[in-house]
Amino acid sequence: MESACIPSSVRSPLVWLLSIRQANRGTPSWRQLGPAILSLTFTFSLLTFFTEYASPLITPWPIIDSTGSGPTRGITDILLITALTMSFVLLALRRWRLPFGTFAFMFGLNGALMVVFSPNSLLVSVPTALLGGLAADLVYRFLQPSLDQPASVRLFAFLVPAMFYALYFVDLAIVGPVIFQGGIIWSVPFWAGAPVIAGIAGFLLSFVMIPPAQVAEEKDKCEQENIASSDVVYAMLCMMGASQEEKPEQEEENNDGNRHVAGQRAQLCRVCSRD
């Protein structure tokens, strides 16, 4: 009933244009977010430089353990770097809708820069970082995590580090015998459980970076904004529809006025002819 005041000839094109504008607004491009992503990547890399002594990509404890404390040291390093990495990932997720390739660029560039500290780890650092970033991009594209979908955010925070370190151990199993003359020497519970522990760390960190209370507030705010915007659009459409309906009425009034003036002129002419 409310849409009766809006002609279909006005409503259809405007709804189509508004839907395109809404879709474009939700998918920023690399041209728009490129500087922000680059700044985030270099800030992340700066902090990983300070903690390079604890980087699993630089010191692959699963294949070079010679003291017996490698599993404990390796798991600790994985948890520390996971917390650092997911802090930046969740910060970016909380702030923007990210274009595809963001995490591949962020992880890959950081992995390439970390090779400076250990050139021998080139085949460990770069492939793991690139593949882990690409996996994160695919998961992000599939889940589309956002503040109004907290379950997808929690799942994304678990899957990204879990997949990253699963690929890390696969890479070590392949290049370890070539570079370090040895494969993974950790026991199965350690190397199989490390990706799971990293995923749990990312999952728990998501509650710190994006708490449930903030998710509820953002959802209410988005609903209010959507309601307000829909009311404004509806009012504009009603005004346009009303203006189109007023045109025939104004034309009829003008025609009546013209006929009245013409009648007065004819009557005046008849009076003048009698005189």
C-alpha atoms as a PDB file:
ATOM      1  CA  MET A   1       0.000   0.000   0.000  1.00  0.00           C
ATOM      2  CA  GLU A   2       2.828   2.387   0.817  1.00  0.00           C
ATOM      3  CA  SER A   3       4.451   1.934  -2.587  1.00  0.00           C
ATOM      4  CA  ALA A   4       1.247   3.042  -4.340  1.00  0.00           C
ATOM      5  CA  CYS A   5       2.430   6.651  -4.279  1.00  0.00           C
ATOM      6  CA  ILE A   6       5.566   5.680  -6.246  1.00  0.00           C
ATOM      7  CA  PRO A   7       5.074   5.071  -9.975  1.00  0.00           C
ATOM      8  CA  SER A   8       6.806   1.973 -11.297  1.00  0.00           C
ATOM      9  CA  SER A   9       8.516   4.063 -13.992  1.00  0.00           C
ATOM     10  CA  VAL A  10      10.281   6.020 -11.210  1.00  0.00           C
ATOM     11  CA  ARG A  11      10.748   3.247  -8.673  1.00  0.00           C
ATOM     12  CA  SER A  12      12.479   0.616 -10.852  1.00  0.00           C
ATOM     13  CA  PRO A  13      15.417   2.701 -12.189  1.00  0.00           C
ATOM     14  CA  LEU A  14      16.135   4.266  -8.799  1.00  0.00           C
ATOM     15  CA  VAL A  15      16.079   0.934  -6.974  1.00  0.00           C
ATOM     16  CA  TRP A  16      18.456  -0.479  -9.600  1.00  0.00           C
ATOM     17  CA  LEU A  17      20.866   2.439  -9.222  1.00  0.00           C
ATOM     18  CA  LEU A  18      20.735   2.242  -5.421  1.00  0.00           C
ATOM     19  CA  SER A  19      21.490  -1.489  -5.479  1.00  0.00           C
ATOM     20  CA  ILE A  20      24.544  -0.915  -7.705  1.00  0.00           C
ATOM     21  CA  ARG A  21      25.772   1.870  -5.436  1.00  0.00           C
ATOM     22  CA  GLN A  22      25.311  -0.319  -2.354  1.00  0.00           C
ATOM     23  CA  ALA A  23      27.240  -3.190  -3.972  1.00  0.00           C
ATOM     24  CA  ASN A  24      30.120  -0.960  -5.036  1.00  0.00           C
ATOM     25  CA  ARG A  25      30.290   0.557  -1.582  1.00  0.00           C
ATOM     26  CA  GLY A  26      30.835  -2.878  -0.018  1.00  0.00           C
ATOM     27  CA  THR A  27      33.673  -3.962  -2.324  1.00  0.00           C
ATOM     28  CA  PRO A  28      36.608  -1.532  -2.151  1.00  0.00           C
ATOM     29  CA  SER A  29      39.389  -1.977  -4.674  1.00  0.00           C
ATOM     30  CA  TRP A  30      43.169  -2.146  -4.324  1.00  0.00           C
ATOM     31  CA  ARG A  31      43.320   1.428  -5.592  1.00  0.00           C
ATOM     32  CA  GLN A  32      41.263   2.579  -2.625  1.00  0.00           C
ATOM     33  CA  LEU A  33      42.827   0.441   0.121  1.00  0.00           C
ATOM     34  CA  GLY A  34      46.308  -0.099  -1.346  1.00  0.00           C
ATOM     35  CA  PRO A  35      48.066   2.581   0.755  1.00  0.00           C
ATOM     36  CA  ALA A  36      46.385   1.356   3.955  1.00  0.00           C
ATOM     37  CA  ILE A  37      47.271  -2.285   3.243  1.00  0.00           C
ATOM     38  CA  LEU A  38      50.881  -1.337   2.449  1.00  0.00           C
ATOM     39  CA  SER A  39      51.172   0.645   5.688  1.00  0.00           C
ATOM     40  CA  LEU A  40      49.678  -2.219   7.672  1.00  0.00           C
ATOM     41  CA  THR A  41      52.097  -4.680   6.059  1.00  0.00           C
ATOM     42  CA  PHE A  42      55.193  -2.621   6.864  1.00  0.00           C
ATOM     43  CA  THR A  43      54.044  -2.029  10.439  1.00  0.00           C
ATOM     44  CA  PHE A  44      53.488  -5.769  10.833  1.00  0.00           C
ATOM     45  CA  SER A  45      56.916  -6.469   9.319  1.00  0.00           C
ATOM     46  CA  LEU A  46      58.566  -4.004  11.672  1.00  0.00           C
ATOM     47  CA  LEU A  47      57.229  -5.874  14.691  1.00  0.00           C
ATOM     48  CA  THR A  48      58.219  -9.243  13.232  1.00  0.00           C
ATOM     49  CA  PHE A  49      61.768  -7.862  12.791  1.00  0.00           C
ATOM     50  CA  PHE A  50      61.881  -7.127  16.519  1.00  0.00           C
ATOM     51  CA  THR A  51      60.720 -10.675  17.258  1.00  0.00           C
ATOM     52  CA  GLU A  52      62.698 -12.511  14.567  1.00  0.00           C
ATOM     53  CA  TYR A  53      64.389 -14.597  17.269  1.00  0.00           C
ATOM     54  CA  ALA A  54      60.990 -16.225  17.871  1.00  0.00           C
ATOM     55  CA  SER A  55      59.910 -16.619  14.245  1.00  0.00           C
ATOM     56  CA  PRO A  56      59.211 -20.232  13.188  1.00  0.00           C
ATOM     57  CA  LEU A  57      59.969 -19.224   9.595  1.00  0.00           C
ATOM     58  CA  ILE A  58      63.521 -18.206  10.521  1.00  0.00           C
ATOM     59  CA  THR A  59      64.295 -20.939  13.042  1.00  0.00           C
ATOM     60  CA  PRO A  60      62.527 -24.151  11.989  1.00  0.00           C
ATOM     61  CA  TRP A  61      62.716 -25.998  15.291  1.00  0.00           C
ATOM     62  CA  PRO A  62      60.836 -29.096  14.026  1.00  0.00           C
ATOM     63  CA  ILE A  63      63.818 -30.094  11.851  1.00  0.00           C
ATOM     64  CA  ILE A  64      66.855 -28.642  13.657  1.00  0.00           C
ATOM     65  CA  ASP A  65      66.158 -29.667  17.241  1.00  0.00           C
ATOM     66  CA  SER A  66      69.383 -30.819  18.866  1.00  0.00           C
ATOM     67  CA  THR A  67      68.861 -29.991  22.542  1.00  0.00           C
ATOM     68  CA  GLY A  68      65.614 -31.766  23.361  1.00  0.00           C
ATOM     69  CA  SER A  69      63.800 -28.514  24.189  1.00  0.00           C
ATOM     70  CA  GLY A  70      62.867 -27.859  20.563  1.00  0.00           C
ATOM     71  CA  PRO A  71      59.159 -28.796  20.822  1.00  0.00           C
ATOM     72  CA  THR A  72      58.610 -26.506  23.815  1.00  0.00           C
ATOM     73  CA  ARG A  73      60.515 -23.637  22.209  1.00  0.00           C
ATOM     74  CA  GLY A  74      58.873 -24.222  18.829  1.00  0.00           C
ATOM     75  CA  ILE A  75      55.299 -24.281  20.180  1.00  0.00           C
ATOM     76  CA  THR A  76      55.993 -21.126  22.190  1.00  0.00           C
ATOM     77  CA  ASP A  77      57.303 -19.348  19.095  1.00  0.00           C
ATOM     78  CA  ILE A  78      54.268 -20.444  17.079  1.00  0.00           C
ATOM     79  CA  LEU A  79      51.872 -19.077  19.705  1.00  0.00           C
ATOM     80  CA  LEU A  80      53.730 -15.766  19.964  1.00  0.00           C
ATOM     81  CA  ILE A  81      53.855 -15.142  16.212  1.00  0.00           C
ATOM     82  CA  THR A  82      50.251 -16.302  15.827  1.00  0.00           C
ATOM     83  CA  ALA A  83      49.106 -13.701  18.366  1.00  0.00           C
ATOM     84  CA  LEU A  84      51.102 -10.995  16.589  1.00  0.00           C
ATOM     85  CA  THR A  85      49.888 -11.953  13.130  1.00  0.00           C
ATOM     86  CA  MET A  86      46.219 -12.362  13.996  1.00  0.00           C
ATOM     87  CA  SER A  87      46.206  -9.022  15.797  1.00  0.00           C
ATOM     88  CA  PHE A  88      46.905  -7.295  12.482  1.00  0.00           C
ATOM     89  CA  VAL A  89      44.594  -9.589  10.522  1.00  0.00           C
ATOM     90  CA  LEU A  90      41.647  -8.962  12.854  1.00  0.00           C
ATOM     91  CA  LEU A  91      42.406  -5.251  12.987  1.00  0.00           C
ATOM     92  CA  ALA A  92      42.173  -5.060   9.197  1.00  0.00           C
ATOM     93  CA  LEU A  93      39.016  -7.208   9.195  1.00  0.00           C
ATOM     94  CA  ARG A  94      37.427  -4.979  11.821  1.00  0.00           C
ATOM     95  CA  ARG A  95      38.212  -1.785   9.897  1.00  0.00           C
ATOM     96  CA  TRP A  96      37.674  -2.569   6.182  1.00  0.00           C
ATOM     97  CA  ARG A  97      36.155  -4.857   3.617  1.00  0.00           C
ATOM     98  CA  LEU A  98      39.372  -6.232   2.166  1.00  0.00           C
ATOM     99  CA  PRO A  99      40.002  -6.940  -1.538  1.00  0.00           C
ATOM    100  CA  PHE A 100      41.166 -10.351  -2.654  1.00  0.00           C
ATOM    101  CA  GLY A 101      44.932 -10.817  -2.326  1.00  0.00           C
ATOM    102  CA  THR A 102      45.350  -8.713   0.811  1.00  0.00           C
ATOM    103  CA  PHE A 103      46.682 -11.515   2.989  1.00  0.00           C
ATOM    104  CA  ALA A 104      48.809 -13.052   0.235  1.00  0.00           C
ATOM    105  CA  PHE A 105      50.487  -9.670  -0.209  1.00  0.00           C
ATOM    106  CA  MET A 106      50.826  -9.054   3.531  1.00  0.00           C
ATOM    107  CA  PHE A 107      52.198 -12.490   4.452  1.00  0.00           C
ATOM    108  CA  GLY A 108      54.241 -12.930   1.279  1.00  0.00           C
ATOM    109  CA  LEU A 109      56.051  -9.598   1.520  1.00  0.00           C
ATOM    110  CA  ASN A 110      56.743 -10.153   5.201  1.00  0.00           C
ATOM    111  CA  GLY A 111      58.077 -13.651   4.522  1.00  0.00           C
ATOM    112  CA  ALA A 112      60.373 -12.318   1.791  1.00  0.00           C
ATOM    113  CA  LEU A 113      61.709  -9.560   4.055  1.00  0.00           C
ATOM    114  CA  MET A 114      62.366 -12.008   6.899  1.00  0.00           C
ATOM    115  CA  VAL A 115      64.815 -13.913   4.672  1.00  0.00           C
ATOM    116  CA  VAL A 116      67.340 -11.150   5.439  1.00  0.00           C
ATOM    117  CA  PHE A 117      67.862 -12.676   8.887  1.00  0.00           C
ATOM    118  CA  SER A 118      68.427 -16.215   7.571  1.00  0.00           C
ATOM    119  CA  PRO A 119      69.041 -16.716   3.834  1.00  0.00           C
ATOM    120  CA  ASN A 120      68.952 -20.495   4.312  1.00  0.00           C
ATOM    121  CA  SER A 121      65.287 -20.283   5.260  1.00  0.00           C
ATOM    122  CA  LEU A 122      64.245 -18.876   1.866  1.00  0.00           C
ATOM    123  CA  LEU A 123      62.455 -22.058   0.773  1.00  0.00           C
ATOM    124  CA  VAL A 124      60.672 -22.228   4.122  1.00  0.00           C
ATOM    125  CA  SER A 125      59.701 -18.620   4.660  1.00  0.00           C
ATOM    126  CA  VAL A 126      58.517 -17.462   1.230  1.00  0.00           C
ATOM    127  CA  PRO A 127      56.445 -20.480   0.065  1.00  0.00           C
ATOM    128  CA  THR A 128      54.799 -20.890   3.459  1.00  0.00           C
ATOM    129  CA  ALA A 129      53.949 -17.192   3.678  1.00  0.00           C
ATOM    130  CA  LEU A 130      52.575 -16.961   0.133  1.00  0.00           C
ATOM    131  CA  LEU A 131      50.505 -20.126   0.344  1.00  0.00           C
ATOM    132  CA  GLY A 132      49.291 -19.266   3.838  1.00  0.00           C
ATOM    133  CA  GLY A 133      48.231 -15.805   2.668  1.00  0.00           C
ATOM    134  CA  LEU A 134      46.469 -17.227  -0.384  1.00  0.00           C
ATOM    135  CA  ALA A 135      44.631 -19.721   1.837  1.00  0.00           C
ATOM    136  CA  ALA A 136      43.563 -16.849   4.114  1.00  0.00           C
ATOM    137  CA  ASP A 137      42.260 -14.908   1.091  1.00  0.00           C
ATOM    138  CA  LEU A 138      40.235 -17.906  -0.078  1.00  0.00           C
ATOM    139  CA  VAL A 139      38.765 -18.429   3.377  1.00  0.00           C
ATOM    140  CA  TYR A 140      37.962 -14.709   3.597  1.00  0.00           C
ATOM    141  CA  ARG A 141      36.243 -14.796   0.202  1.00  0.00           C
ATOM    142  CA  PHE A 142      34.221 -17.874   1.162  1.00  0.00           C
ATOM    143  CA  LEU A 143      33.181 -16.864   4.704  1.00  0.00           C
ATOM    144  CA  GLN A 144      32.878 -13.087   4.183  1.00  0.00           C
ATOM    145  CA  PRO A 145      33.486 -12.414   7.919  1.00  0.00           C
ATOM    146  CA  SER A 146      32.051  -9.177   9.280  1.00  0.00           C
ATOM    147  CA  LEU A 147      30.865  -7.680  12.551  1.00  0.00           C
ATOM    148  CA  ASP A 148      27.257  -8.576  11.857  1.00  0.00           C
ATOM    149  CA  GLN A 149      28.283 -12.243  11.450  1.00  0.00           C
ATOM    150  CA  PRO A 150      30.362 -13.029  14.565  1.00  0.00           C
ATOM    151  CA  ALA A 151      30.359 -16.796  13.940  1.00  0.00           C
ATOM    152  CA  SER A 152      32.157 -16.303  10.618  1.00  0.00           C
ATOM    153  CA  VAL A 153      34.725 -14.053  12.335  1.00  0.00           C
ATOM    154  CA  ARG A 154      35.484 -16.718  14.970  1.00  0.00           C
ATOM    155  CA  LEU A 155      35.785 -19.446  12.342  1.00  0.00           C
ATOM    156  CA  PHE A 156      38.022 -17.260  10.176  1.00  0.00           C
ATOM    157  CA  ALA A 157      40.269 -16.475  13.168  1.00  0.00           C
ATOM    158  CA  PHE A 158      40.659 -20.208  13.799  1.00  0.00           C
ATOM    159  CA  LEU A 159      41.222 -21.328  10.211  1.00  0.00           C
ATOM    160  CA  VAL A 160      43.834 -18.764   9.162  1.00  0.00           C
ATOM    161  CA  PRO A 161      46.604 -19.743  11.652  1.00  0.00           C
ATOM    162  CA  ALA A 162      45.630 -23.433  11.527  1.00  0.00           C
ATOM    163  CA  MET A 163      45.998 -23.544   7.744  1.00  0.00           C
ATOM    164  CA  PHE A 164      49.154 -21.417   7.820  1.00  0.00           C
ATOM    165  CA  TYR A 165      51.019 -23.792  10.132  1.00  0.00           C
ATOM    166  CA  ALA A 166      49.633 -26.880   8.436  1.00  0.00           C
ATOM    167  CA  LEU A 167      51.259 -25.577   5.244  1.00  0.00           C
ATOM    168  CA  TYR A 168      54.362 -24.747   7.286  1.00  0.00           C
ATOM    169  CA  PHE A 169      54.829 -28.364   8.338  1.00  0.00           C
ATOM    170  CA  VAL A 170      54.118 -29.610   4.819  1.00  0.00           C
ATOM    171  CA  ASP A 171      56.805 -27.275   3.506  1.00  0.00           C
ATOM    172  CA  LEU A 172      59.270 -28.447   6.157  1.00  0.00           C
ATOM    173  CA  ALA A 173      58.611 -32.071   5.234  1.00  0.00           C
ATOM    174  CA  ILE A 174      59.420 -31.282   1.589  1.00  0.00           C
ATOM    175  CA  VAL A 175      62.435 -28.952   1.810  1.00  0.00           C
ATOM    176  CA  GLY A 176      63.879 -30.203   5.103  1.00  0.00           C
ATOM    177  CA  PRO A 177      65.801 -33.155   3.625  1.00  0.00           C
ATOM    178  CA  VAL A 178      67.151 -30.893   0.857  1.00  0.00           C
ATOM    179  CA  ILE A 179      68.337 -27.891   2.879  1.00  0.00           C
ATOM    180  CA  PHE A 180      68.807 -29.155   6.423  1.00  0.00           C
ATOM    181  CA  GLN A 181      69.630 -32.788   5.618  1.00  0.00           C
ATOM    182  CA  GLY A 182      66.812 -34.029   7.775  1.00  0.00           C
ATOM    183  CA  GLY A 183      63.043 -34.192   8.037  1.00  0.00           C
ATOM    184  CA  ILE A 184      60.654 -33.361  10.870  1.00  0.00           C
ATOM    185  CA  ILE A 185      61.942 -34.888  14.095  1.00  0.00           C
ATOM    186  CA  TRP A 186      59.069 -33.857  16.333  1.00  0.00           C
ATOM    187  CA  SER A 187      56.685 -36.568  17.428  1.00  0.00           C
ATOM    188  CA  VAL A 188      53.265 -36.757  15.776  1.00  0.00           C
ATOM    189  CA  PRO A 189      51.323 -35.131  18.672  1.00  0.00           C
ATOM    190  CA  PHE A 190      53.605 -32.092  18.527  1.00  0.00           C
ATOM    191  CA  TRP A 191      53.630 -31.364  14.800  1.00  0.00           C
ATOM    192  CA  ALA A 192      50.001 -32.427  14.272  1.00  0.00           C
ATOM    193  CA  GLY A 193      48.764 -30.474  17.293  1.00  0.00           C
ATOM    194  CA  ALA A 194      50.714 -27.271  16.602  1.00  0.00           C
ATOM    195  CA  PRO A 195      48.316 -26.009  13.859  1.00  0.00           C
ATOM    196  CA  VAL A 196      45.334 -26.769  16.103  1.00  0.00           C
ATOM    197  CA  ILE A 197      46.866 -24.877  19.021  1.00  0.00           C
ATOM    198  CA  ALA A 198      47.622 -21.930  16.712  1.00  0.00           C
ATOM    199  CA  GLY A 199      44.005 -21.970  15.512  1.00  0.00           C
ATOM    200  CA  ILE A 200      42.717 -21.962  19.091  1.00  0.00           C
ATOM    201  CA  ALA A 201      44.982 -18.999  19.868  1.00  0.00           C
ATOM    202  CA  GLY A 202      43.543 -17.076  16.903  1.00  0.00           C
ATOM    203  CA  PHE A 203      40.009 -18.032  17.922  1.00  0.00           C
ATOM    204  CA  LEU A 204      40.503 -16.740  21.475  1.00  0.00           C
ATOM    205  CA  LEU A 205      42.197 -13.581  20.226  1.00  0.00           C
ATOM    206  CA  SER A 206      39.125 -12.772  18.131  1.00  0.00           C
ATOM    207  CA  PHE A 207      37.148 -12.279  21.359  1.00  0.00           C
ATOM    208  CA  VAL A 208      39.690  -9.661  22.431  1.00  0.00           C
ATOM    209  CA  MET A 209      39.927  -7.795  19.126  1.00  0.00           C
ATOM    210  CA  ILE A 210      36.195  -8.075  18.333  1.00  0.00           C
ATOM    211  CA  PRO A 211      34.306  -8.616  21.618  1.00  0.00           C
ATOM    212  CA  PRO A 212      30.679  -9.822  21.560  1.00  0.00           C
ATOM    213  CA  ALA A 213      29.421  -6.555  23.076  1.00  0.00           C
ATOM    214  CA  GLN A 214      30.911  -4.565  20.210  1.00  0.00           C
ATOM    215  CA  VAL A 215      29.385  -6.948  17.680  1.00  0.00           C
ATOM    216  CA  ALA A 216      25.923  -6.334  19.162  1.00  0.00           C
ATOM    217  CA  GLU A 217      26.447  -2.554  19.159  1.00  0.00           C
ATOM    218  CA  GLU A 218      27.641  -2.537  15.562  1.00  0.00           C
ATOM    219  CA  LYS A 219      24.693  -4.672  14.503  1.00  0.00           C
ATOM    220  CA  ASP A 220      22.196  -2.276  16.137  1.00  0.00           C
ATOM    221  CA  LYS A 221      23.981   0.688  14.582  1.00  0.00           C
ATOM    222  CA  CYS A 222      23.876  -0.890  11.120  1.00  0.00           C
ATOM    223  CA  GLU A 223      20.180  -1.673  11.481  1.00  0.00           C
ATOM    224  CA  GLN A 224      19.398   1.902  12.509  1.00  0.00           C
ATOM    225  CA  GLU A 225      21.418   3.280   9.595  1.00  0.00           C
ATOM    226  CA  ASN A 226      19.664   0.969   7.153  1.00  0.00           C
ATOM    227  CA  ILE A 227      16.251   1.986   8.494  1.00  0.00           C
ATOM    228  CA  ALA A 228      17.131   5.685   8.297  1.00  0.00           C
ATOM    229  CA  SER A 229      18.510   5.392   4.768  1.00  0.00           C
ATOM    230  CA  SER A 230      15.471   3.413   3.586  1.00  0.00           C
ATOM    231  CA  ASP A 231      13.145   6.058   5.065  1.00  0.00           C
ATOM    232  CA  VAL A 232      15.036   8.827   3.254  1.00  0.00           C
ATOM    233  CA  VAL A 233      14.956   6.951  -0.050  1.00  0.00           C
ATOM    234  CA  TYR A 234      11.269   6.183   0.349  1.00  0.00           C
ATOM    235  CA  ALA A 235      10.485   9.846   1.083  1.00  0.00           C
ATOM    236  CA  MET A 236      12.413  10.932  -2.008  1.00  0.00           C
ATOM    237  CA  LEU A 237      10.594   8.405  -4.172  1.00  0.00           C
ATOM    238  CA  CYS A 238       7.233   9.524  -2.773  1.00  0.00           C
ATOM    239  CA  MET A 239       8.074  13.156  -3.506  1.00  0.00           C
ATOM    240  CA  MET A 240       9.041  12.298  -7.073  1.00  0.00           C
ATOM    241  CA  GLY A 241       5.903  10.237  -7.522  1.00  0.00           C
ATOM    242  CA  ALA A 242       3.733  13.021  -6.084  1.00  0.00           C
ATOM    243  CA  SER A 243       5.352  15.585  -8.368  1.00  0.00           C
ATOM    244  CA  GLN A 244       4.521  13.439 -11.390  1.00  0.00           C
ATOM    245  CA  GLU A 245       0.911  13.080 -10.234  1.00  0.00           C
ATOM    246  CA  GLU A 246       0.602  16.842  -9.764  1.00  0.00           C
ATOM    247  CA  LYS A 247       1.582  17.571 -13.376  1.00  0.00           C
ATOM    248  CA  PRO A 248      -1.763  16.445 -14.956  1.00  0.00           C
ATOM    249  CA  GLU A 249      -3.705  18.382 -12.306  1.00  0.00           C
ATOM    250  CA  GLN A 250      -1.676  21.525 -13.011  1.00  0.00           C
ATOM    251  CA  GLU A 251      -2.250  21.083 -16.742  1.00  0.00           C
ATOM    252  CA  GLU A 252      -6.005  20.757 -16.185  1.00  0.00           C
ATOM    253  CA  GLU A 253      -6.016  23.908 -14.050  1.00  0.00           C
ATOM    254  CA  ASN A 254      -4.074  25.785 -16.731  1.00  0.00           C
ATOM    255  CA  ASN A 255      -6.500  24.630 -19.421  1.00  0.00           C
ATOM    256  CA  ASP A 256      -9.487  25.748 -17.320  1.00  0.00           C
ATOM    257  CA  GLY A 257      -7.843  29.119 -16.793  1.00  0.00           C
ATOM    258  CA  ASN A 258      -7.152  29.518 -20.505  1.00  0.00           C
ATOM    259  CA  ARG A 259     -10.748  28.627 -21.382  1.00  0.00           C
ATOM    260  CA  HIS A 260     -12.026  31.157 -18.838  1.00  0.00           C
ATOM    261  CA  VAL A 261      -9.817  33.918 -20.268  1.00  0.00           C
ATOM    262  CA  ALA A 262     -10.872  33.048 -23.818  1.00  0.00           C
ATOM    263  CA  GLY A 263     -14.561  33.221 -22.797  1.00  0.00           C
ATOM    264  CA  GLN A 264     -14.074  36.631 -21.244  1.00  0.00           C
ATOM    265  CA  ARG A 265     -12.362  37.884 -24.400  1.00  0.00           C
ATOM    266  CA  ALA A 266     -15.191  36.573 -26.602  1.00  0.00           C
ATOM    267  CA  GLN A 267     -17.795  38.239 -24.390  1.00  0.00           C
ATOM    268  CA  LEU A 268     -15.889  41.524 -24.523  1.00  0.00           C
ATOM    269  CA  CYS A 269     -15.723  41.319 -28.330  1.00  0.00           C
ATOM    270  CA  ARG A 270     -19.519  40.825 -28.571  1.00  0.00           C
ATOM    271  CA  VAL A 271     -20.129  43.857 -26.358  1.00  0.00           C
ATOM    272  CA  CYS A 272     -17.805  45.979 -28.466  1.00  0.00           C
ATOM    273  CA  SER A 273     -19.525  44.890 -31.701  1.00  0.00           C
ATOM    274  CA  ARG A 274     -22.954  45.911 -30.331  1.00  0.00           C
ATOM    275  CA  ASP A 275     -21.637  49.355 -29.547  1.00  0.00           C
END
